[in-house]
C-alpha atoms as a PDB file:
ATOM      1  CA  UNK A   1     -16.615  -5.590  -0.277  1.00  0.00           C
ATOM      2  CA  UNK A   2     -18.425  -7.751  -2.840  1.00  0.00           C
ATOM      3  CA  UNK A   3     -21.702  -8.509  -4.535  1.00  0.00           C
ATOM      4  CA  UNK A   4     -24.301 -10.193  -2.992  1.00  0.00           C
ATOM      5  CA  UNK A   5     -26.268 -12.432  -5.447  1.00  0.00           C
ATOM      6  CA  UNK A   6     -29.231 -15.153  -5.164  1.00  0.00           C
ATOM      7  CA  UNK A   7     -27.078 -17.726  -4.127  1.00  0.00           C
ATOM      8  CA  UNK A   8     -25.205 -15.923  -1.226  1.00  0.00           C
ATOM      9  CA  UNK A   9     -25.649 -16.791   2.500  1.00  0.00           C
ATOM     10  CA  UNK A  10     -25.659 -14.510   4.981  1.00  0.00           C
ATOM     11  CA  UNK A  11     -24.182 -15.643   8.618  1.00  0.00           C
ATOM     12  CA  UNK A  12     -25.595 -13.023  11.003  1.00  0.00           C
ATOM     13  CA  UNK A  13     -24.433 -13.234  15.222  1.00  0.00           C
ATOM     14  CA  UNK A  14     -25.378 -10.782  17.581  1.00  0.00           C
ATOM     15  CA  UNK A  15     -23.816  -7.409  17.738  1.00  0.00           C
ATOM     16  CA  UNK A  16     -21.877  -5.955  20.958  1.00  0.00           C
ATOM     17  CA  UNK A  17     -22.175  -2.669  19.485  1.00  0.00           C
ATOM     18  CA  UNK A  18     -25.727  -2.099  18.024  1.00  0.00           C
ATOM     19  CA  UNK A  19     -27.740  -4.788  19.945  1.00  0.00           C
ATOM     20  CA  UNK A  20     -31.229  -3.784  20.082  1.00  0.00           C
ATOM     21  CA  UNK A  21     -30.356  -0.508  18.649  1.00  0.00           C
ATOM     22  CA  UNK A  22     -32.828   0.820  15.782  1.00  0.00           C
ATOM     23  CA  UNK A  23     -30.266   0.474  13.390  1.00  0.00           C
ATOM     24  CA  UNK A  24     -29.486  -3.334  13.893  1.00  0.00           C
ATOM     25  CA  UNK A  25     -33.545  -4.095  13.687  1.00  0.00           C
ATOM     26  CA  UNK A  26     -33.957  -2.053  10.451  1.00  0.00           C
ATOM     27  CA  UNK A  27     -30.954  -4.244   9.086  1.00  0.00           C
ATOM     28  CA  UNK A  28     -32.752  -7.640  10.644  1.00  0.00           C
ATOM     29  CA  UNK A  29     -36.234  -6.943   9.384  1.00  0.00           C
ATOM     30  CA  UNK A  30     -35.140  -6.542   6.184  1.00  0.00           C
ATOM     31  CA  UNK A  31     -33.268 -10.152   5.899  1.00  0.00           C
ATOM     32  CA  UNK A  32     -34.884 -13.333   5.497  1.00  0.00           C
ATOM     33  CA  UNK A  33     -32.612 -15.745   7.284  1.00  0.00           C
ATOM     34  CA  UNK A  34     -32.739 -19.338   7.325  1.00  0.00           C
ATOM     35  CA  UNK A  35     -31.415 -21.887   9.749  1.00  0.00           C
ATOM     36  CA  UNK A  36     -27.829 -22.710   9.611  1.00  0.00           C
ATOM     37  CA  UNK A  37     -25.008 -23.976  11.452  1.00  0.00           C
ATOM     38  CA  UNK A  38     -21.956 -21.422  11.587  1.00  0.00           C
ATOM     39  CA  UNK A  39     -19.082 -22.314   9.869  1.00  0.00           C
ATOM     40  CA  UNK A  40     -15.790 -22.762  11.349  1.00  0.00           C
ATOM     41  CA  UNK A  41     -13.608 -19.725  10.786  1.00  0.00           C
ATOM     42  CA  UNK A  42     -10.907 -20.515   8.643  1.00  0.00           C
ATOM     43  CA  UNK A  43      -8.069 -17.772   7.971  1.00  0.00           C
ATOM     44  CA  UNK A  44      -5.480 -18.379   5.416  1.00  0.00           C
ATOM     45  CA  UNK A  45      -2.184 -17.953   6.374  1.00  0.00           C
ATOM     46  CA  UNK A  46      -1.103 -15.500   3.265  1.00  0.00           C
ATOM     47  CA  UNK A  47      -3.928 -13.038   4.759  1.00  0.00           C
ATOM     48  CA  UNK A  48      -3.367 -10.040   7.231  1.00  0.00           C
ATOM     49  CA  UNK A  49      -5.876  -9.023   9.524  1.00  0.00           C
ATOM     50  CA  UNK A  50      -5.353  -5.081   9.646  1.00  0.00           C
ATOM     51  CA  UNK A  51      -6.963  -3.427  12.539  1.00  0.00           C
ATOM     52  CA  UNK A  52      -7.899   0.121  12.102  1.00  0.00           C
ATOM     53  CA  UNK A  53      -8.124   3.157  14.429  1.00  0.00           C
ATOM     54  CA  UNK A  54     -11.726   2.967  15.188  1.00  0.00           C
ATOM     55  CA  UNK A  55     -11.244  -1.050  15.244  1.00  0.00           C
ATOM     56  CA  UNK A  56     -12.873  -2.302  12.340  1.00  0.00           C
ATOM     57  CA  UNK A  57     -10.902  -5.395  11.195  1.00  0.00           C
ATOM     58  CA  UNK A  58     -10.111  -5.943   7.180  1.00  0.00           C
ATOM     59  CA  UNK A  59      -8.494  -9.450   6.159  1.00  0.00           C
ATOM     60  CA  UNK A  60      -6.352  -8.652   3.195  1.00  0.00           C
ATOM     61  CA  UNK A  61      -3.989 -10.617   1.298  1.00  0.00           C
ATOM     62  CA  UNK A  62       0.033 -10.105   2.327  1.00  0.00           C
ATOM     63  CA  UNK A  63       0.973  -9.474  -1.476  1.00  0.00           C
ATOM     64  CA  UNK A  64      -1.492  -6.771  -1.747  1.00  0.00           C
ATOM     65  CA  UNK A  65      -0.053  -4.819   1.285  1.00  0.00           C
ATOM     66  CA  UNK A  66       3.541  -5.112   0.039  1.00  0.00           C
ATOM     67  CA  UNK A  67       4.010  -1.635  -1.148  1.00  0.00           C
ATOM     68  CA  UNK A  68       3.044  -0.474   2.278  1.00  0.00           C
ATOM     69  CA  UNK A  69       6.274  -0.043   4.004  1.00  0.00           C
ATOM     70  CA  UNK A  70       5.064   0.119   7.650  1.00  0.00           C
ATOM     71  CA  UNK A  71       3.566  -2.983   7.263  1.00  0.00           C
ATOM     72  CA  UNK A  72       6.474  -5.094   6.114  1.00  0.00           C
ATOM     73  CA  UNK A  73       7.704  -6.689   9.254  1.00  0.00           C
ATOM     74  CA  UNK A  74       3.840  -7.889   9.587  1.00  0.00           C
ATOM     75  CA  UNK A  75       3.668  -9.132   6.258  1.00  0.00           C
ATOM     76  CA  UNK A  76       6.786 -11.061   6.886  1.00  0.00           C
ATOM     77  CA  UNK A  77       5.724 -12.668   9.618  1.00  0.00           C
ATOM     78  CA  UNK A  78       5.025 -16.551   9.464  1.00  0.00           C
ATOM     79  CA  UNK A  79       2.878 -17.894  12.002  1.00  0.00           C
ATOM     80  CA  UNK A  80       0.239 -20.830  12.418  1.00  0.00           C
ATOM     81  CA  UNK A  81      -2.027 -18.022  14.573  1.00  0.00           C
ATOM     82  CA  UNK A  82      -3.821 -15.230  12.624  1.00  0.00           C
ATOM     83  CA  UNK A  83      -1.341 -12.302  12.299  1.00  0.00           C
ATOM     84  CA  UNK A  84      -2.894  -8.756  13.045  1.00  0.00           C
ATOM     85  CA  UNK A  85      -1.570  -5.536  12.649  1.00  0.00           C
ATOM     86  CA  UNK A  86      -2.931  -1.971  13.982  1.00  0.00           C
ATOM     87  CA  UNK A  87      -2.547   0.985  11.548  1.00  0.00           C
ATOM     88  CA  UNK A  88      -3.325   4.529  12.694  1.00  0.00           C
ATOM     89  CA  UNK A  89      -5.818   4.788   9.767  1.00  0.00           C
ATOM     90  CA  UNK A  90      -9.559   4.945  10.215  1.00  0.00           C
ATOM     91  CA  UNK A  91     -11.985   2.355   8.487  1.00  0.00           C
ATOM     92  CA  UNK A  92     -13.285   4.698   5.822  1.00  0.00           C
ATOM     93  CA  UNK A  93      -9.915   5.881   4.458  1.00  0.00           C
ATOM     94  CA  UNK A  94      -8.255   2.528   5.128  1.00  0.00           C
ATOM     95  CA  UNK A  95     -10.738   0.663   2.467  1.00  0.00           C
ATOM     96  CA  UNK A  96     -10.156   3.641  -0.119  1.00  0.00           C
ATOM     97  CA  UNK A  97      -6.183   2.701   0.493  1.00  0.00           C
ATOM     98  CA  UNK A  98      -7.430  -1.080  -0.128  1.00  0.00           C
ATOM     99  CA  UNK A  99      -8.996   0.721  -3.684  1.00  0.00           C
ATOM    100  CA  UNK A 100      -5.982   2.173  -4.557  1.00  0.00           C
ATOM    101  CA  UNK A 101      -3.851  -0.744  -3.909  1.00  0.00           C
ATOM    102  CA  UNK A 102      -5.973  -3.132  -6.065  1.00  0.00           C
ATOM    103  CA  UNK A 103      -6.250  -0.593  -9.166  1.00  0.00           C
ATOM    104  CA  UNK A 104      -2.271  -0.506  -9.088  1.00  0.00           C
ATOM    105  CA  UNK A 105      -2.274  -4.178  -8.751  1.00  0.00           C
ATOM    106  CA  UNK A 106      -4.227  -4.119 -12.349  1.00  0.00           C
ATOM    107  CA  UNK A 107      -1.673  -1.364 -13.655  1.00  0.00           C
ATOM    108  CA  UNK A 108      -4.745   1.056 -13.203  1.00  0.00           C
ATOM    109  CA  UNK A 109      -3.409   3.325 -10.774  1.00  0.00           C
ATOM    110  CA  UNK A 110      -3.525   6.089 -13.221  1.00  0.00           C
ATOM    111  CA  UNK A 111      -6.888   5.892 -13.703  1.00  0.00           C
ATOM    112  CA  UNK A 112      -8.048   5.809  -9.784  1.00  0.00           C
ATOM    113  CA  UNK A 113     -11.057   8.444  -9.360  1.00  0.00           C
ATOM    114  CA  UNK A 114      -9.887  10.044  -6.123  1.00  0.00           C
ATOM    115  CA  UNK A 115     -12.571  12.213  -3.843  1.00  0.00           C
ATOM    116  CA  UNK A 116     -11.454  15.712  -3.271  1.00  0.00           C
ATOM    117  CA  UNK A 117     -13.254  15.794   0.395  1.00  0.00           C
ATOM    118  CA  UNK A 118     -11.048  13.184   1.380  1.00  0.00           C
ATOM    119  CA  UNK A 119      -8.121  13.495  -0.472  1.00  0.00           C
ATOM    120  CA  UNK A 120      -5.650  15.350   2.627  1.00  0.00           C
ATOM    121  CA  UNK A 121      -6.805  12.086   4.712  1.00  0.00           C
ATOM    122  CA  UNK A 122      -5.984   9.649   2.167  1.00  0.00           C
ATOM    123  CA  UNK A 123      -2.453  11.660   1.673  1.00  0.00           C
ATOM    124  CA  UNK A 124      -1.964  11.308   5.531  1.00  0.00           C
ATOM    125  CA  UNK A 125      -2.837   7.441   5.323  1.00  0.00           C
ATOM    126  CA  UNK A 126      -0.206   7.227   2.441  1.00  0.00           C
ATOM    127  CA  UNK A 127       2.280   8.690   4.802  1.00  0.00           C
ATOM    128  CA  UNK A 128       1.372   6.558   7.685  1.00  0.00           C
ATOM    129  CA  UNK A 129       1.482   3.131   5.662  1.00  0.00           C
ATOM    130  CA  UNK A 130       4.866   4.331   4.242  1.00  0.00           C
ATOM    131  CA  UNK A 131       2.811   3.870   0.593  1.00  0.00           C
ATOM    132  CA  UNK A 132       4.940   6.072  -1.670  1.00  0.00           C
ATOM    133  CA  UNK A 133       3.007   5.818  -5.129  1.00  0.00           C
ATOM    134  CA  UNK A 134      -0.262   6.961  -3.386  1.00  0.00           C
ATOM    135  CA  UNK A 135       1.270   9.672  -1.325  1.00  0.00           C
ATOM    136  CA  UNK A 136       2.664  11.083  -4.884  1.00  0.00           C
ATOM    137  CA  UNK A 137      -0.545  10.543  -6.539  1.00  0.00           C
ATOM    138  CA  UNK A 138      -2.462  12.320  -3.778  1.00  0.00           C
ATOM    139  CA  UNK A 139       0.367  14.921  -3.982  1.00  0.00           C
ATOM    140  CA  UNK A 140      -0.330  15.560  -7.796  1.00  0.00           C
ATOM    141  CA  UNK A 141      -3.906  16.149  -7.078  1.00  0.00           C
ATOM    142  CA  UNK A 142      -3.740  18.364  -4.016  1.00  0.00           C
ATOM    143  CA  UNK A 143      -1.496  20.598  -6.580  1.00  0.00           C
ATOM    144  CA  UNK A 144       1.823  20.705  -4.337  1.00  0.00           C
ATOM    145  CA  UNK A 145       3.688  17.861  -5.923  1.00  0.00           C
ATOM    146  CA  UNK A 146       7.285  18.089  -7.021  1.00  0.00           C
ATOM    147  CA  UNK A 147       8.533  14.724  -8.105  1.00  0.00           C
ATOM    148  CA  UNK A 148      11.163  12.889  -5.841  1.00  0.00           C
ATOM    149  CA  UNK A 149      12.091  10.754  -9.115  1.00  0.00           C
ATOM    150  CA  UNK A 150      14.723  13.181 -10.764  1.00  0.00           C
ATOM    151  CA  UNK A 151      18.800  13.374 -11.680  1.00  0.00           C
ATOM    152  CA  UNK A 152      21.560  13.290  -8.890  1.00  0.00           C
ATOM    153  CA  UNK A 153      24.694  14.406  -8.770  1.00  0.00           C
ATOM    154  CA  UNK A 154      27.251  11.751  -7.379  1.00  0.00           C
ATOM    155  CA  UNK A 155      28.395  14.445  -5.287  1.00  0.00           C
ATOM    156  CA  UNK A 156      24.937  14.954  -3.910  1.00  0.00           C
ATOM    157  CA  UNK A 157      24.395  11.795  -3.104  1.00  0.00           C
ATOM    158  CA  UNK A 158      27.820  11.429  -0.856  1.00  0.00           C
ATOM    159  CA  UNK A 159      26.947  14.552   0.717  1.00  0.00           C
ATOM    160  CA  UNK A 160      23.457  13.261   1.496  1.00  0.00           C
ATOM    161  CA  UNK A 161      24.693  10.131   2.995  1.00  0.00           C
ATOM    162  CA  UNK A 162      27.752  12.078   5.262  1.00  0.00           C
ATOM    163  CA  UNK A 163      24.842  14.399   6.411  1.00  0.00           C
ATOM    164  CA  UNK A 164      23.344  11.193   7.991  1.00  0.00           C
ATOM    165  CA  UNK A 165      21.215  10.150   5.127  1.00  0.00           C
ATOM    166  CA  UNK A 166      20.675   6.746   3.467  1.00  0.00           C
ATOM    167  CA  UNK A 167      20.723   6.993  -0.453  1.00  0.00           C
ATOM    168  CA  UNK A 168      22.175   3.936  -2.105  1.00  0.00           C
ATOM    169  CA  UNK A 169      23.070   3.171  -5.557  1.00  0.00           C
ATOM    170  CA  UNK A 170      22.517  -0.016  -8.172  1.00  0.00           C
ATOM    171  CA  UNK A 171      23.234   0.313 -11.987  1.00  0.00           C
ATOM    172  CA  UNK A 172      22.946   3.897 -11.963  1.00  0.00           C
ATOM    173  CA  UNK A 173      19.714   4.021  -9.933  1.00  0.00           C
ATOM    174  CA  UNK A 174      19.555   6.045  -6.709  1.00  0.00           C
ATOM    175  CA  UNK A 175      17.163   4.763  -4.317  1.00  0.00           C
ATOM    176  CA  UNK A 176      16.307   6.379  -0.417  1.00  0.00           C
ATOM    177  CA  UNK A 177      16.116   3.729   1.864  1.00  0.00           C
ATOM    178  CA  UNK A 178      15.985   6.257   5.034  1.00  0.00           C
ATOM    179  CA  UNK A 179      12.097   4.839   5.928  1.00  0.00           C
ATOM    180  CA  UNK A 180      12.982   1.334   5.002  1.00  0.00           C
ATOM    181  CA  UNK A 181      16.217   0.899   7.546  1.00  0.00           C
ATOM    182  CA  UNK A 182      13.593   0.150  10.766  1.00  0.00           C
ATOM    183  CA  UNK A 183      11.747  -2.039   8.625  1.00  0.00           C
ATOM    184  CA  UNK A 184      14.896  -4.030   7.167  1.00  0.00           C
ATOM    185  CA  UNK A 185      14.727  -7.836   7.807  1.00  0.00           C
ATOM    186  CA  UNK A 186      18.600  -7.862   8.188  1.00  0.00           C
ATOM    187  CA  UNK A 187      18.716  -4.993  10.682  1.00  0.00           C
ATOM    188  CA  UNK A 188      18.741  -1.061  10.591  1.00  0.00           C
ATOM    189  CA  UNK A 189      22.951  -0.984  10.564  1.00  0.00           C
ATOM    190  CA  UNK A 190      23.739  -3.198   7.747  1.00  0.00           C
ATOM    191  CA  UNK A 191      22.733  -1.169   5.029  1.00  0.00           C
ATOM    192  CA  UNK A 192      24.472   2.249   6.153  1.00  0.00           C
ATOM    193  CA  UNK A 193      27.568   0.189   7.403  1.00  0.00           C
ATOM    194  CA  UNK A 194      28.219  -1.913   3.838  1.00  0.00           C
ATOM    195  CA  UNK A 195      26.169  -0.165   1.097  1.00  0.00           C
ATOM    196  CA  UNK A 196      26.916   3.723   1.174  1.00  0.00           C
ATOM    197  CA  UNK A 197      28.182   5.741  -1.229  1.00  0.00           C
ATOM    198  CA  UNK A 198      29.373   2.850  -3.794  1.00  0.00           C
ATOM    199  CA  UNK A 199      27.324   0.599  -6.174  1.00  0.00           C
ATOM    200  CA  UNK A 200      25.786  -1.994  -3.583  1.00  0.00           C
ATOM    201  CA  UNK A 201      24.568  -4.470  -6.282  1.00  0.00           C
ATOM    202  CA  UNK A 202      26.458  -7.158  -5.521  1.00  0.00           C
ATOM    203  CA  UNK A 203      25.506  -6.665  -1.658  1.00  0.00           C
ATOM    204  CA  UNK A 204      21.911  -6.876  -2.986  1.00  0.00           C
ATOM    205  CA  UNK A 205      22.688 -10.179  -5.004  1.00  0.00           C
ATOM    206  CA  UNK A 206      24.128 -11.425  -1.962  1.00  0.00           C
ATOM    207  CA  UNK A 207      21.855 -11.268   0.559  1.00  0.00           C
ATOM    208  CA  UNK A 208      18.777 -11.312  -1.191  1.00  0.00           C
ATOM    209  CA  UNK A 209      18.385 -14.749  -2.852  1.00  0.00           C
ATOM    210  CA  UNK A 210      14.812 -14.563  -3.651  1.00  0.00           C
ATOM    211  CA  UNK A 211      13.934 -11.828  -6.397  1.00  0.00           C
ATOM    212  CA  UNK A 212      10.807 -10.871  -3.860  1.00  0.00           C
ATOM    213  CA  UNK A 213      12.922  -7.964  -2.644  1.00  0.00           C
ATOM    214  CA  UNK A 214      12.894  -6.549  -6.385  1.00  0.00           C
ATOM    215  CA  UNK A 215       9.069  -5.803  -5.390  1.00  0.00           C
ATOM    216  CA  UNK A 216      10.223  -2.987  -3.019  1.00  0.00           C
ATOM    217  CA  UNK A 217      12.802  -0.992  -5.297  1.00  0.00           C
ATOM    218  CA  UNK A 218       9.848   1.093  -6.926  1.00  0.00           C
ATOM    219  CA  UNK A 219       9.194   2.329  -3.861  1.00  0.00           C
ATOM    220  CA  UNK A 220      12.650   3.778  -2.923  1.00  0.00           C
ATOM    221  CA  UNK A 221      13.524   4.862  -6.470  1.00  0.00           C
ATOM    222  CA  UNK A 222      14.105   8.695  -6.134  1.00  0.00           C
ATOM    223  CA  UNK A 223      15.914   8.582  -9.545  1.00  0.00           C
ATOM    224  CA  UNK A 224      18.908   8.338 -11.570  1.00  0.00           C
ATOM    225  CA  UNK A 225      22.963   9.608 -11.634  1.00  0.00           C
ATOM    226  CA  UNK A 226      23.274  11.461 -14.899  1.00  0.00           C
ATOM    227  CA  UNK A 227      25.662   9.186 -17.052  1.00  0.00           C
ATOM    228  CA  UNK A 228      28.793  10.924 -16.966  1.00  0.00           C
ATOM    229  CA  UNK A 229      28.930  10.813 -13.042  1.00  0.00           C
ATOM    230  CA  UNK A 230      28.437   6.856 -13.122  1.00  0.00           C
ATOM    231  CA  UNK A 231      32.080   6.244 -13.745  1.00  0.00           C
ATOM    232  CA  UNK A 232      32.802   8.395 -10.230  1.00  0.00           C
ATOM    233  CA  UNK A 233      30.944   5.564  -8.292  1.00  0.00           C
ATOM    234  CA  UNK A 234      33.054   3.040  -6.267  1.00  0.00           C
ATOM    235  CA  UNK A 235      32.420  -0.445  -7.238  1.00  0.00           C
ATOM    236  CA  UNK A 236      33.580  -3.585  -4.619  1.00  0.00           C
ATOM    237  CA  UNK A 237      36.240  -6.134  -6.095  1.00  0.00           C
ATOM    238  CA  UNK A 238      33.115  -8.647  -6.641  1.00  0.00           C
ATOM    239  CA  UNK A 239      30.565  -7.183  -8.703  1.00  0.00           C
ATOM    240  CA  UNK A 240      27.209  -8.411  -9.221  1.00  0.00           C
ATOM    241  CA  UNK A 241      26.802 -11.470 -11.631  1.00  0.00           C
ATOM    242  CA  UNK A 242      25.517 -10.851 -15.127  1.00  0.00           C
ATOM    243  CA  UNK A 243      22.535 -13.087 -14.651  1.00  0.00           C
ATOM    244  CA  UNK A 244      21.767 -10.937 -11.602  1.00  0.00           C
ATOM    245  CA  UNK A 245      22.179  -7.505 -13.641  1.00  0.00           C
ATOM    246  CA  UNK A 246      20.196  -8.226 -16.316  1.00  0.00           C
ATOM    247  CA  UNK A 247      17.084  -9.291 -14.057  1.00  0.00           C
ATOM    248  CA  UNK A 248      17.601  -6.136 -12.412  1.00  0.00           C
ATOM    249  CA  UNK A 249      17.585  -3.964 -15.169  1.00  0.00           C
ATOM    250  CA  UNK A 250      14.704  -6.320 -17.060  1.00  0.00           C
ATOM    251  CA  UNK A 251      12.603  -5.536 -13.444  1.00  0.00           C
ATOM    252  CA  UNK A 252      13.254  -1.835 -13.740  1.00  0.00           C
ATOM    253  CA  UNK A 253      12.771  -1.047 -17.069  1.00  0.00           C
ATOM    254  CA  UNK A 254       8.964   0.028 -17.231  1.00  0.00           C
ATOM    255  CA  UNK A 255       9.855   3.067 -14.425  1.00  0.00           C
ATOM    256  CA  UNK A 256      13.388   3.749 -14.632  1.00  0.00           C
ATOM    257  CA  UNK A 257      13.684   7.651 -15.635  1.00  0.00           C
ATOM    258  CA  UNK A 258      15.611   8.119 -19.126  1.00  0.00           C
ATOM    259  CA  UNK A 259      18.653   9.936 -18.451  1.00  0.00           C
ATOM    260  CA  UNK A 260      17.989  11.443 -22.467  1.00  0.00           C
ATOM    261  CA  UNK A 261      14.558  12.743 -21.850  1.00  0.00           C
ATOM    262  CA  UNK A 262      15.628  14.265 -18.743  1.00  0.00           C
ATOM    263  CA  UNK A 263      18.567  16.147 -20.069  1.00  0.00           C
ATOM    264  CA  UNK A 264      16.083  17.304 -23.104  1.00  0.00           C
ATOM    265  CA  UNK A 265      13.541  18.602 -20.267  1.00  0.00           C
ATOM    266  CA  UNK A 266      16.034  20.166 -18.219  1.00  0.00           C
ATOM    267  CA  UNK A 267      17.277  22.085 -21.551  1.00  0.00           C
ATOM    268  CA  UNK A 268      13.659  23.203 -22.469  1.00  0.00           C
ATOM    269  CA  UNK A 269      13.229  24.348 -18.971  1.00  0.00           C
ATOM    270  CA  UNK A 270      16.181  26.285 -19.106  1.00  0.00           C
ATOM    271  CA  UNK A 271      15.187  27.948 -22.447  1.00  0.00           C
ATOM    272  CA  UNK A 272      18.058  26.535 -23.894  1.00  0.00           C
ATOM    273  CA  UNK A 273      16.038  24.087 -26.064  1.00  0.00           C
ATOM    274  CA  UNK A 274      13.699  26.767 -27.902  1.00  0.00           C
ATOM    275  CA  UNK A 275      14.817  28.546 -31.066  1.00  0.00           C
END
């Protein structure tokens, strides 16, 4: 995607798919070509080559793809050679995913224009890519959305984990890491072994020297513990540093659920707040 202007130079090479076809001739007839030497292809390391199910290739900035949990391993891979990753999403749908990613990166996800004709395909792509923000947005448009973000009781968290789940808590926040475990750079077992049924902020600080990991928190966030429940959460003998907690709270402040507002909404729903 992009804009073509008077100074744009087009490099054309023979097509193996459409060679000699009527569509290729139609395109060629509409171009005025000049002789030029082909440029040596340079692929920056911060770009991931995404190959769709219909074999189209998208060079995409790794930073833009970070919300897509299923692509984490490829995003974090370091190699002098171009890194390619295949996705089970067709070209047209992945293009729409990119448009949403770009809108979200600019803080404009709420203004994204959905096409009802392609909404179900986009929702399916969001699930395959592990892109929670897009999955939720599609569900809202489809009319069957029940927010995953809500208030929780501590007993519910413990029971969920005892049944094989992976909900962790930090500073009263609850995160669902089940989809993240296979992608976790530290392995799939360390989080269930060390971080369940306690406040795990100290482990998050210990194992993540870089604040890059903060970028993933919103994707896993499913709500808050009720304020009166927070004292029930066991703490490690060594707790996270005050500086880390301030950074964590500051980073999450714009999207955390407000328990006071949640309580008012629940009361209104039950009818007790109305006179």
